[in-house]
Amino acid sequence: MSLVFKPALIFAVIILIIVFALFYSPLFKAQKIDISQNQDCLKAQDVFDALKNSKNLFFISKGKLENTLKSQYSCIGNIEVGKKFPSKLEIKITVKEPVVKIEGTNFMLTDDGQVTEGISQKDNPIIFLPPEVKVVLGQKISDPTAIFAIQTTSKLLKSDFLPVNVRIVGNDEVVIYNQQGQLAIFSSKKDKEVQVDSLQQVISKAKIESAKIAKIDLRFDKPVISYRQ
């Protein structure tokens, strides 16, 4: 019995040593963090702070860490955490790009209405917000028509109607001017994708004659087009 018992005991001790080495050894403690994007949005120390006391790679939940960082840092659009043993975390992030700049300020707005400051490297369209829309750095605006205006502008940036100025008129109307001084009128009560598609069709069909267009009103079932005199 003792001869059988001793190998079993030795085996159990070896297993315990291996488990201890894997889960508690400093060898597997996160010591280096590589971040794929520019570190204006997220720094390595921010990740260490989010990990708190759970720095062992075996104990780190990738999904939980991703959710924590995304909730704490509003500049993150998408995030993917990877482990590279024995002691490195690799983090890939996609930063939310601002869509419009708020007139008269250094503040910008992302597609979901997040207020940021001075992180864009390009000329963004200028949005003129109504005075009742509260703008606080790091928070989201809540006005539904303003959100509609931002998201419509975001879609237009990928179209032939490149927006320059965005104005909110009344409770549900948005007027967007392009580089040629033409304007398009949208209704926040209608689907923005349908309206943007209709606008693109008008521009595409007009071709050379599109330069003569002054205004395209998309609030109705069919676009209403006005021409320059």
Protein backbone atom coordinates (compact mmCIF):
# COMPACT_ATOMS: atom_id res chain seq x y z
CA MET A 1 0.00 0.00 0.00
CA SER A 2 2.77 2.39 0.94
CA LEU A 3 4.57 1.79 -2.35
CA VAL A 4 1.40 2.71 -4.25
CA PHE A 5 0.64 5.64 -1.98
CA LYS A 6 4.03 7.32 -2.29
CA PRO A 7 4.03 7.71 -6.11
CA ALA A 8 0.47 9.04 -5.93
CA LEU A 9 1.48 11.54 -3.26
CA ILE A 10 4.53 12.61 -5.24
CA PHE A 11 2.39 13.02 -8.36
CA ALA A 12 -0.12 15.16 -6.44
CA VAL A 13 2.66 17.34 -5.08
CA ILE A 14 4.09 17.79 -8.57
CA ILE A 15 0.66 18.80 -9.89
CA LEU A 16 0.28 21.33 -7.08
CA ILE A 17 3.69 22.79 -7.84
CA ILE A 18 2.82 23.09 -11.53
CA VAL A 19 -0.54 24.72 -10.74
CA PHE A 20 1.13 27.15 -8.36
CA ALA A 21 3.79 27.97 -10.94
CA LEU A 22 1.20 28.57 -13.64
CA PHE A 23 -1.27 30.62 -11.66
CA TYR A 24 0.77 32.39 -9.02
CA SER A 25 4.25 32.75 -10.43
CA PRO A 26 5.35 36.32 -11.32
CA LEU A 27 6.47 34.84 -14.64
CA PHE A 28 2.88 35.02 -15.93
CA LYS A 29 2.10 38.47 -14.56
CA ALA A 30 1.27 41.04 -17.25
CA GLN A 31 4.39 43.16 -17.58
CA LYS A 32 4.10 44.60 -21.07
CA ILE A 33 1.12 45.96 -22.97
CA ASP A 34 1.22 46.66 -26.70
CA ILE A 35 -1.49 48.97 -28.06
CA SER A 36 -2.00 49.04 -31.82
CA GLN A 37 -3.42 52.56 -32.13
CA ASN A 38 -2.03 55.95 -31.15
CA GLN A 39 -1.95 56.26 -27.39
CA ASP A 40 -3.85 59.53 -27.14
CA CYS A 41 -6.96 57.44 -26.55
CA LEU A 42 -5.63 54.59 -24.42
CA LYS A 43 -2.30 54.23 -22.63
CA ALA A 44 -0.62 51.14 -21.22
CA GLN A 45 -1.01 52.47 -17.68
CA ASP A 46 -4.77 52.77 -18.25
CA VAL A 47 -4.86 49.04 -18.96
CA PHE A 48 -2.79 48.21 -15.87
CA ASP A 49 -5.19 50.33 -13.79
CA ALA A 50 -8.18 48.47 -15.25
CA LEU A 51 -6.61 45.11 -14.40
CA LYS A 52 -6.27 46.11 -10.72
CA ASN A 53 -5.06 43.00 -8.85
CA SER A 54 -5.86 40.48 -11.59
CA LYS A 55 -2.67 40.77 -13.62
CA ASN A 56 -1.94 37.06 -14.10
CA LEU A 57 -2.58 36.20 -17.74
CA PHE A 58 -4.39 33.00 -16.75
CA PHE A 59 -6.85 34.97 -14.63
CA ILE A 60 -7.47 37.84 -17.06
CA SER A 61 -10.83 37.63 -18.82
CA LYS A 62 -10.40 39.14 -22.28
CA GLY A 63 -14.11 39.89 -22.66
CA LYS A 64 -14.38 41.53 -19.25
CA LEU A 65 -11.29 43.67 -19.86
CA GLU A 66 -12.60 44.74 -23.27
CA ASN A 67 -15.95 45.79 -21.77
CA THR A 68 -14.26 47.62 -18.89
CA LEU A 69 -11.95 49.63 -21.14
CA LYS A 70 -14.70 50.43 -23.63
CA SER A 71 -16.98 51.70 -20.86
CA GLN A 72 -14.24 53.81 -19.26
CA TYR A 73 -12.74 55.33 -22.42
CA SER A 74 -15.35 56.78 -24.74
CA CYS A 75 -12.82 57.29 -27.54
CA ILE A 76 -12.70 53.52 -28.15
CA GLY A 77 -14.85 52.30 -31.00
CA ASN A 78 -13.83 48.64 -31.11
CA ILE A 79 -11.32 46.76 -28.99
CA GLU A 80 -9.75 43.31 -29.09
CA VAL A 81 -7.53 41.93 -26.31
CA GLY A 82 -5.03 39.16 -26.96
CA LYS A 83 -2.65 37.30 -24.66
CA LYS A 84 0.93 36.50 -25.57
CA PHE A 85 2.49 34.30 -22.94
CA PRO A 86 4.24 34.50 -20.66
CA SER A 87 3.65 38.17 -19.77
CA LYS A 88 2.31 40.38 -22.57
CA LEU A 89 -1.11 41.72 -23.55
CA GLU A 90 -1.73 42.84 -27.12
CA ILE A 91 -4.59 45.30 -27.56
CA LYS A 92 -6.03 46.36 -30.89
CA ILE A 93 -8.35 49.34 -30.81
CA THR A 94 -10.27 51.34 -33.36
CA VAL A 95 -10.64 54.92 -32.23
CA LYS A 96 -13.93 56.73 -32.77
CA GLU A 97 -13.35 59.39 -35.39
CA PRO A 98 -15.12 62.74 -34.97
CA VAL A 99 -17.65 63.48 -37.70
CA VAL A 100 -18.38 67.18 -37.18
CA LYS A 101 -16.88 70.16 -35.38
CA ILE A 102 -19.14 72.31 -33.24
CA GLU A 103 -19.21 75.87 -34.53
CA GLY A 104 -17.28 78.36 -32.41
CA THR A 105 -15.56 75.71 -30.25
CA ASN A 106 -12.73 73.17 -30.31
CA PHE A 107 -15.24 70.43 -29.56
CA MET A 108 -16.12 67.69 -32.01
CA LEU A 109 -18.84 65.06 -32.13
CA THR A 110 -18.51 61.39 -33.02
CA ASP A 111 -21.15 59.38 -34.83
CA ASP A 112 -22.92 58.52 -31.57
CA GLY A 113 -22.88 62.09 -30.23
CA GLN A 114 -19.80 61.77 -28.02
CA VAL A 115 -18.15 65.12 -27.33
CA THR A 116 -14.39 65.07 -27.94
CA GLU A 117 -11.75 67.75 -28.30
CA GLY A 118 -9.19 68.35 -31.01
CA ILE A 119 -8.35 64.78 -32.04
CA SER A 120 -9.21 65.05 -35.73
CA GLN A 121 -6.49 65.49 -38.33
CA LYS A 122 -8.85 66.54 -41.12
CA ASP A 123 -11.29 69.32 -41.92
CA ASN A 124 -14.60 68.26 -40.45
CA PRO A 125 -17.96 69.74 -41.42
CA ILE A 126 -19.14 72.46 -39.05
CA ILE A 127 -22.37 71.84 -37.15
CA PHE A 128 -24.44 74.70 -35.74
CA LEU A 129 -26.19 73.33 -32.67
CA PRO A 130 -29.30 74.94 -31.16
CA PRO A 131 -28.54 76.73 -27.87
CA GLU A 132 -30.66 74.27 -25.88
CA VAL A 133 -28.35 71.36 -26.78
CA LYS A 134 -25.99 70.87 -23.84
CA VAL A 135 -22.39 70.08 -24.74
CA VAL A 136 -20.09 68.59 -22.08
CA LEU A 137 -16.65 67.23 -22.93
CA GLY A 138 -16.54 63.46 -22.53
CA GLN A 139 -20.32 63.06 -22.51
CA LYS A 140 -22.88 62.39 -25.22
CA ILE A 141 -25.42 64.87 -26.45
CA SER A 142 -28.98 63.59 -26.18
CA ASP A 143 -30.90 65.70 -28.68
CA PRO A 144 -32.36 63.22 -31.23
CA THR A 145 -32.38 65.67 -34.14
CA ALA A 146 -28.73 66.57 -33.51
CA ILE A 147 -27.82 62.87 -33.44
CA PHE A 148 -29.73 62.39 -36.69
CA ALA A 149 -27.82 65.32 -38.21
CA ILE A 150 -24.43 63.89 -37.20
CA GLN A 151 -25.19 60.39 -38.48
CA THR A 152 -26.60 61.74 -41.74
CA THR A 153 -23.46 63.83 -42.20
CA SER A 154 -21.33 60.75 -41.55
CA LYS A 155 -23.08 58.93 -44.38
CA LEU A 156 -22.78 61.91 -46.72
CA LEU A 157 -19.00 61.97 -46.22
CA LYS A 158 -18.96 58.74 -48.25
CA SER A 159 -21.17 60.15 -51.01
CA ASP A 160 -20.84 62.62 -53.89
CA PHE A 161 -22.50 65.31 -51.75
CA LEU A 162 -19.62 66.29 -49.45
CA PRO A 163 -20.97 68.27 -46.47
CA VAL A 164 -19.40 71.49 -45.20
CA ASN A 165 -22.01 73.04 -42.90
CA VAL A 166 -24.81 71.39 -40.94
CA ARG A 167 -27.71 73.33 -39.45
CA ILE A 168 -30.68 72.16 -37.40
CA VAL A 169 -33.87 73.99 -38.29
CA GLY A 170 -36.89 73.56 -36.05
CA ASN A 171 -37.57 70.31 -34.24
CA ASP A 172 -37.03 67.81 -37.02
CA GLU A 173 -35.40 69.47 -40.03
CA VAL A 174 -31.71 69.39 -40.90
CA VAL A 175 -30.12 71.50 -43.62
CA ILE A 176 -26.73 70.41 -44.95
CA TYR A 177 -24.59 72.46 -47.35
CA ASN A 178 -21.94 70.91 -49.58
CA GLN A 179 -18.68 72.26 -51.01
CA GLN A 180 -20.49 73.73 -54.03
CA GLY A 181 -22.92 75.73 -51.90
CA GLN A 182 -25.83 73.41 -52.67
CA LEU A 183 -28.12 72.47 -49.82
CA ALA A 184 -30.09 69.37 -48.95
CA ILE A 185 -33.00 69.36 -46.52
CA PHE A 186 -33.60 66.25 -44.42
CA SER A 187 -36.34 65.22 -42.01
CA SER A 188 -35.39 63.42 -38.81
CA LYS A 189 -38.80 61.73 -38.98
CA LYS A 190 -37.74 59.80 -42.08
CA ASP A 191 -35.11 57.10 -42.46
CA LYS A 192 -31.74 58.80 -42.99
CA GLU A 193 -30.39 56.03 -45.22
CA VAL A 194 -33.37 56.32 -47.56
CA GLN A 195 -32.90 60.08 -47.78
CA VAL A 196 -29.15 59.83 -48.37
CA ASP A 197 -29.72 57.21 -51.09
CA SER A 198 -32.30 59.46 -52.75
CA LEU A 199 -29.87 62.38 -52.67
CA GLN A 200 -27.11 60.27 -54.20
CA GLN A 201 -29.45 59.15 -56.98
CA VAL A 202 -30.34 62.76 -57.78
CA ILE A 203 -26.66 63.75 -57.98
CA SER A 204 -25.75 60.69 -60.06
CA LYS A 205 -28.58 61.15 -62.56
CA ALA A 206 -27.92 64.86 -62.95
CA LYS A 207 -24.22 64.28 -63.78
CA ILE A 208 -22.95 67.43 -65.54
CA GLU A 209 -26.21 69.25 -64.82
CA SER A 210 -25.75 68.68 -61.08
CA ALA A 211 -23.82 71.96 -60.86
CA LYS A 212 -27.06 73.79 -61.68
CA ILE A 213 -28.87 72.34 -58.68
CA ALA A 214 -29.39 74.79 -55.82
CA LYS A 215 -31.52 72.78 -53.38
CA ILE A 216 -32.72 69.22 -52.90
CA ASP A 217 -35.59 68.76 -50.47
CA LEU A 218 -35.79 65.18 -49.23
CA ARG A 219 -38.63 65.56 -46.75
CA PHE A 220 -41.24 64.30 -49.20
CA ASP A 221 -41.91 60.97 -50.91
CA LYS A 222 -39.92 62.16 -53.92
CA PRO A 223 -37.04 64.65 -53.80
CA VAL A 224 -38.01 68.21 -54.73
CA ILE A 225 -35.23 69.85 -56.75
CA SER A 226 -34.70 73.60 -57.18
CA TYR A 227 -32.25 74.97 -59.74
CA ARG A 228 -30.03 78.02 -59.77
CA GLN A 229 -31.38 81.02 -61.66
